[in-house]
Amino acid sequence: MAAVALVLLLPLLLFTFLHGASARCQPDQDERLGETLEKASRNNTLVQILLLITALALAPAVLICVTSFTRVIVILSFLRNAIGTPQMPPNQVLIGTALFLSLFVMSPVVAKVNTEAIQPYMREEIDREQAFERGLQPLRDFMFKQTDAADLALFVSLSSGEKPASPQDVSTLVLVPAFIISELKKAYVIAFLIYIPFMVIDVIVAGTLMSMGMLMLPPMIISLPFKLLLFVMVDGWHLIVKSLVTSFK
């Protein structure tokens, strides 16, 4: 009888022992699990901060490469050199002017990005990947409109990927350098047209001084006031800004 009772009590004793051991280990497991989750959350926050700092560091490059800033700043720099005042306006004024002109030109694109990507993401209607894709599409449309077909074909042929069947299949890494090359080409064409009237003044002044025998007098001293007068009389800033803005239409 004693042996039978021991056999019947053995499962009960074993269950009691395992339950007690599990109860003793449960707090330790919960504590370790909480520490793991806290560490993972902290690491995720650090990664997000690192990505934000990287995005802020790349923001100037993005501004230059995918907006109208490149064409505007190049043309304004050529204008300053054509007049003969390489330090006036100062670089800060020139960059500020180019920045706000670029913002004016890009305002429809910025509004579209805000409507289709930023606001839905802030309302948690779309996730981060969808917001990035929707926000990138207006910029791609702008770059496609301003990129020459020959420049785009050049970078498509130089890329190692598959040939795109449609413009939507063109990679952004292919589109951006093609857009930059097109912007530089158009900026140089406009700069050539800007240089012509000022070059005519330089030639006339240099020929006049040479005919008068005043070889030791630098022609720049005489031609600079005439070039400034010409620029003011034709309302040069109005014409330059108008030409810049309408060149993106």
Protein backbone atom coordinates (compact mmCIF):
# COMPACT_ATOMS: atom_id res chain seq x y z
CA MET A 1 0.00 0.00 0.00
CA ALA A 2 2.84 2.38 0.83
CA ALA A 3 4.40 1.71 -2.57
CA VAL A 4 1.10 2.42 -4.32
CA ALA A 5 0.65 5.67 -2.38
CA LEU A 6 4.20 6.75 -3.30
CA VAL A 7 3.52 6.06 -6.97
CA LEU A 8 0.34 8.13 -6.83
CA LEU A 9 1.99 11.03 -4.99
CA LEU A 10 5.10 11.14 -7.19
CA PRO A 11 3.45 13.03 -10.13
CA LEU A 12 1.95 15.52 -7.69
CA LEU A 13 5.31 16.16 -6.05
CA LEU A 14 7.02 16.50 -9.42
CA PHE A 15 4.38 19.01 -10.64
CA THR A 16 4.73 21.04 -7.42
CA PHE A 17 8.53 21.18 -7.83
CA LEU A 18 8.40 22.28 -11.48
CA HIS A 19 5.74 24.90 -10.78
CA GLY A 20 7.84 26.37 -7.97
CA ALA A 21 10.94 26.44 -10.15
CA SER A 22 9.00 28.10 -12.96
CA ALA A 23 7.60 30.69 -10.56
CA ARG A 24 11.11 31.47 -9.30
CA CYS A 25 12.51 31.85 -12.87
CA GLN A 26 9.60 33.89 -14.23
CA PRO A 27 10.66 37.26 -12.70
CA ASP A 28 14.18 36.82 -14.02
CA GLN A 29 12.91 36.06 -17.52
CA ASP A 30 10.53 39.02 -17.46
CA GLU A 31 13.34 41.28 -16.31
CA ARG A 32 15.68 40.08 -19.04
CA LEU A 33 12.93 40.47 -21.64
CA GLY A 34 12.23 44.02 -20.50
CA GLU A 35 15.94 44.89 -20.70
CA THR A 36 16.13 43.44 -24.21
CA LEU A 37 13.12 45.44 -25.40
CA GLU A 38 14.47 48.63 -23.83
CA LYS A 39 17.86 48.12 -25.47
CA ALA A 40 16.24 47.46 -28.85
CA SER A 41 14.13 50.62 -28.53
CA ARG A 42 17.20 52.66 -27.60
CA ASN A 43 19.15 51.31 -30.58
CA ASN A 44 16.23 52.11 -32.90
CA THR A 45 16.18 55.70 -31.61
CA LEU A 46 19.93 56.05 -32.20
CA VAL A 47 19.56 54.75 -35.75
CA GLN A 48 16.78 57.26 -36.45
CA ILE A 49 18.90 60.12 -35.09
CA LEU A 50 21.84 58.99 -37.25
CA LEU A 51 19.63 58.88 -40.35
CA LEU A 52 18.26 62.35 -39.57
CA ILE A 53 21.76 63.82 -39.20
CA THR A 54 22.79 62.17 -42.48
CA ALA A 55 19.74 63.58 -44.25
CA LEU A 56 20.50 67.08 -42.95
CA ALA A 57 24.12 66.76 -44.11
CA LEU A 58 23.01 65.71 -47.61
CA ALA A 59 20.29 68.37 -47.86
CA PRO A 60 22.55 71.01 -49.56
CA ALA A 61 23.69 68.46 -52.15
CA VAL A 62 20.08 67.46 -52.82
CA LEU A 63 19.11 71.13 -53.16
CA ILE A 64 21.83 71.68 -55.76
CA CYS A 65 21.32 68.47 -57.71
CA VAL A 66 17.55 68.08 -58.09
CA THR A 67 16.29 71.67 -58.18
CA SER A 68 16.73 74.77 -60.34
CA PHE A 69 19.49 76.10 -58.08
CA THR A 70 22.33 74.97 -60.37
CA ARG A 71 21.17 76.93 -63.39
CA VAL A 72 20.33 80.04 -61.38
CA ILE A 73 23.62 80.30 -59.47
CA VAL A 74 25.74 79.62 -62.58
CA ILE A 75 23.98 82.32 -64.59
CA LEU A 76 24.22 84.87 -61.78
CA SER A 77 27.93 84.11 -61.38
CA PHE A 78 28.53 84.58 -65.11
CA LEU A 79 26.56 87.84 -65.02
CA ARG A 80 28.76 89.17 -62.24
CA ASN A 81 31.92 88.32 -64.18
CA ALA A 82 30.54 89.71 -67.45
CA ILE A 83 29.90 93.09 -65.88
CA GLY A 84 33.43 93.09 -64.50
CA THR A 85 32.64 93.09 -60.79
CA PRO A 86 33.69 89.59 -59.61
CA GLN A 87 33.10 90.49 -55.97
CA MET A 88 29.84 92.41 -56.31
CA PRO A 89 27.23 91.35 -55.41
CA PRO A 90 28.90 89.42 -52.58
CA ASN A 91 28.69 85.65 -52.52
CA GLN A 92 26.18 85.70 -49.66
CA VAL A 93 23.82 87.96 -51.61
CA LEU A 94 24.26 85.93 -54.79
CA ILE A 95 23.58 82.61 -53.07
CA GLY A 96 20.61 84.05 -51.17
CA THR A 97 19.14 85.41 -54.39
CA ALA A 98 19.64 82.09 -56.15
CA LEU A 99 18.10 80.25 -53.21
CA PHE A 100 14.89 82.27 -53.17
CA LEU A 101 14.60 82.28 -56.96
CA SER A 102 14.93 78.50 -56.86
CA LEU A 103 12.28 78.32 -54.15
CA PHE A 104 9.97 80.46 -56.32
CA VAL A 105 10.54 78.22 -59.35
CA MET A 106 10.13 75.02 -57.33
CA SER A 107 7.07 76.18 -55.36
CA PRO A 108 4.57 74.10 -57.46
CA VAL A 109 6.74 71.01 -56.95
CA VAL A 110 7.08 71.68 -53.21
CA ALA A 111 3.32 72.17 -52.88
CA LYS A 112 2.68 68.89 -54.69
CA VAL A 113 5.15 67.02 -52.47
CA ASN A 114 3.48 68.48 -49.38
CA THR A 115 -0.01 67.53 -50.58
CA GLU A 116 0.73 64.03 -51.83
CA ALA A 117 3.44 62.85 -49.42
CA ILE A 118 4.04 64.93 -46.31
CA GLN A 119 0.49 65.59 -45.21
CA PRO A 120 -0.73 61.98 -45.68
CA TYR A 121 2.32 60.76 -43.78
CA MET A 122 1.66 63.21 -40.93
CA ARG A 123 -1.92 61.92 -40.78
CA GLU A 124 -0.53 58.36 -40.71
CA GLU A 125 -2.43 57.43 -43.86
CA ILE A 126 0.72 56.08 -45.55
CA ASP A 127 3.98 54.64 -44.25
CA ARG A 128 7.47 56.05 -44.64
CA GLU A 129 8.32 54.16 -47.83
CA GLN A 130 5.13 55.27 -49.57
CA ALA A 131 5.73 58.88 -48.50
CA PHE A 132 9.24 58.77 -49.94
CA GLU A 133 8.02 57.37 -53.26
CA ARG A 134 5.19 59.90 -53.54
CA GLY A 135 7.47 62.79 -52.60
CA LEU A 136 10.11 61.74 -55.11
CA GLN A 137 7.70 61.54 -58.05
CA PRO A 138 7.09 65.35 -58.45
CA LEU A 139 10.86 65.92 -58.39
CA ARG A 140 11.34 63.25 -61.04
CA ASP A 141 8.64 64.86 -63.21
CA PHE A 142 10.40 68.23 -62.90
CA MET A 143 13.78 66.75 -63.78
CA PHE A 144 12.36 64.82 -66.74
CA LYS A 145 10.84 68.05 -68.09
CA GLN A 146 14.16 69.92 -67.86
CA THR A 147 16.48 67.12 -69.01
CA ASP A 148 17.53 66.84 -72.64
CA ALA A 149 16.83 63.50 -74.28
CA ALA A 150 20.44 63.22 -75.50
CA ASP A 151 21.84 63.63 -71.98
CA LEU A 152 19.38 61.12 -70.56
CA ALA A 153 20.23 58.63 -73.31
CA LEU A 154 23.93 59.09 -72.56
CA PHE A 155 23.63 58.10 -68.92
CA VAL A 156 21.20 55.29 -69.71
CA SER A 157 23.77 53.85 -72.11
CA LEU A 158 26.57 54.28 -69.55
CA SER A 159 24.62 52.56 -66.78
CA SER A 160 25.11 48.84 -66.24
CA GLY A 161 21.43 48.10 -65.57
CA GLU A 162 18.73 47.00 -67.95
CA LYS A 163 17.50 49.46 -70.54
CA PRO A 164 14.28 51.13 -69.33
CA ALA A 165 11.16 50.53 -71.38
CA SER A 166 9.53 53.84 -70.29
CA PRO A 167 10.55 57.03 -68.48
CA GLN A 168 9.07 55.66 -65.27
CA ASP A 169 11.58 52.81 -65.41
CA VAL A 170 14.56 55.20 -65.47
CA SER A 171 16.46 55.05 -62.21
CA THR A 172 16.80 58.24 -60.18
CA LEU A 173 20.57 57.64 -60.03
CA VAL A 174 20.58 57.88 -63.83
CA LEU A 175 18.16 60.80 -64.03
CA VAL A 176 19.98 63.12 -61.58
CA PRO A 177 23.36 63.36 -63.42
CA ALA A 178 21.56 63.75 -66.76
CA PHE A 179 19.53 66.59 -65.24
CA ILE A 180 22.67 68.29 -63.89
CA ILE A 181 24.44 68.13 -67.26
CA SER A 182 21.38 69.59 -69.00
CA GLU A 183 21.19 72.40 -66.45
CA LEU A 184 24.85 73.29 -66.94
CA LYS A 185 24.45 73.26 -70.72
CA LYS A 186 21.46 75.61 -70.61
CA ALA A 187 23.19 77.87 -68.10
CA TYR A 188 26.23 78.23 -70.35
CA VAL A 189 24.06 79.06 -73.37
CA ILE A 190 22.30 81.83 -71.45
CA ALA A 191 25.66 83.06 -70.10
CA PHE A 192 26.99 83.35 -73.67
CA LEU A 193 24.07 85.60 -74.59
CA ILE A 194 24.69 87.70 -71.47
CA TYR A 195 28.37 88.18 -72.32
CA ILE A 196 27.80 89.54 -75.85
CA PRO A 197 26.69 93.16 -75.08
CA PHE A 198 29.34 93.61 -72.38
CA MET A 199 32.02 92.21 -74.67
CA VAL A 200 31.01 94.73 -77.36
CA ILE A 201 31.55 97.56 -74.86
CA ASP A 202 34.98 96.16 -73.92
CA VAL A 203 36.01 95.97 -77.59
CA ILE A 204 34.84 99.53 -78.35
CA VAL A 205 36.59 100.97 -75.31
CA ALA A 206 39.82 99.04 -75.97
CA GLY A 207 39.86 100.14 -79.64
CA THR A 208 39.20 103.76 -78.69
CA LEU A 209 42.00 103.84 -76.13
CA MET A 210 44.41 102.22 -78.58
CA SER A 211 43.57 104.74 -81.29
CA MET A 212 44.20 107.57 -78.81
CA GLY A 213 47.57 106.11 -77.86
CA MET A 214 46.54 105.51 -74.25
CA LEU A 215 48.07 102.03 -74.09
CA MET A 216 48.98 102.22 -70.40
CA LEU A 217 45.39 102.89 -69.29
CA PRO A 218 43.53 99.63 -68.47
CA PRO A 219 40.34 99.44 -70.58
CA MET A 220 38.45 97.95 -67.61
CA ILE A 221 38.58 101.28 -65.78
CA ILE A 222 36.75 102.99 -68.62
CA SER A 223 34.42 100.19 -69.70
CA LEU A 224 33.11 99.32 -66.22
CA PRO A 225 31.00 102.50 -65.76
CA PHE A 226 29.57 102.09 -69.27
CA LYS A 227 28.64 98.47 -68.61
CA LEU A 228 26.98 99.40 -65.33
CA LEU A 229 25.11 102.20 -67.09
CA LEU A 230 23.93 99.84 -69.82
CA PHE A 231 22.80 97.26 -67.27
CA VAL A 232 20.82 99.84 -65.33
CA MET A 233 19.27 101.49 -68.39
CA VAL A 234 17.88 98.21 -69.77
CA ASP A 235 16.70 97.13 -66.29
CA GLY A 236 19.06 94.18 -66.34
CA TRP A 237 17.90 92.46 -63.16
CA HIS A 238 14.34 92.44 -64.41
CA LEU A 239 15.40 90.88 -67.71
CA ILE A 240 17.69 88.31 -66.10
CA VAL A 241 15.13 87.17 -63.54
CA LYS A 242 12.38 87.04 -66.14
CA SER A 243 14.55 84.98 -68.48
CA LEU A 244 15.55 82.63 -65.66
CA VAL A 245 12.05 81.95 -64.43
CA THR A 246 10.53 81.55 -67.90
CA SER A 247 13.32 79.19 -68.94
CA PHE A 248 11.82 76.58 -66.56
CA LYS A 249 8.34 76.78 -68.05
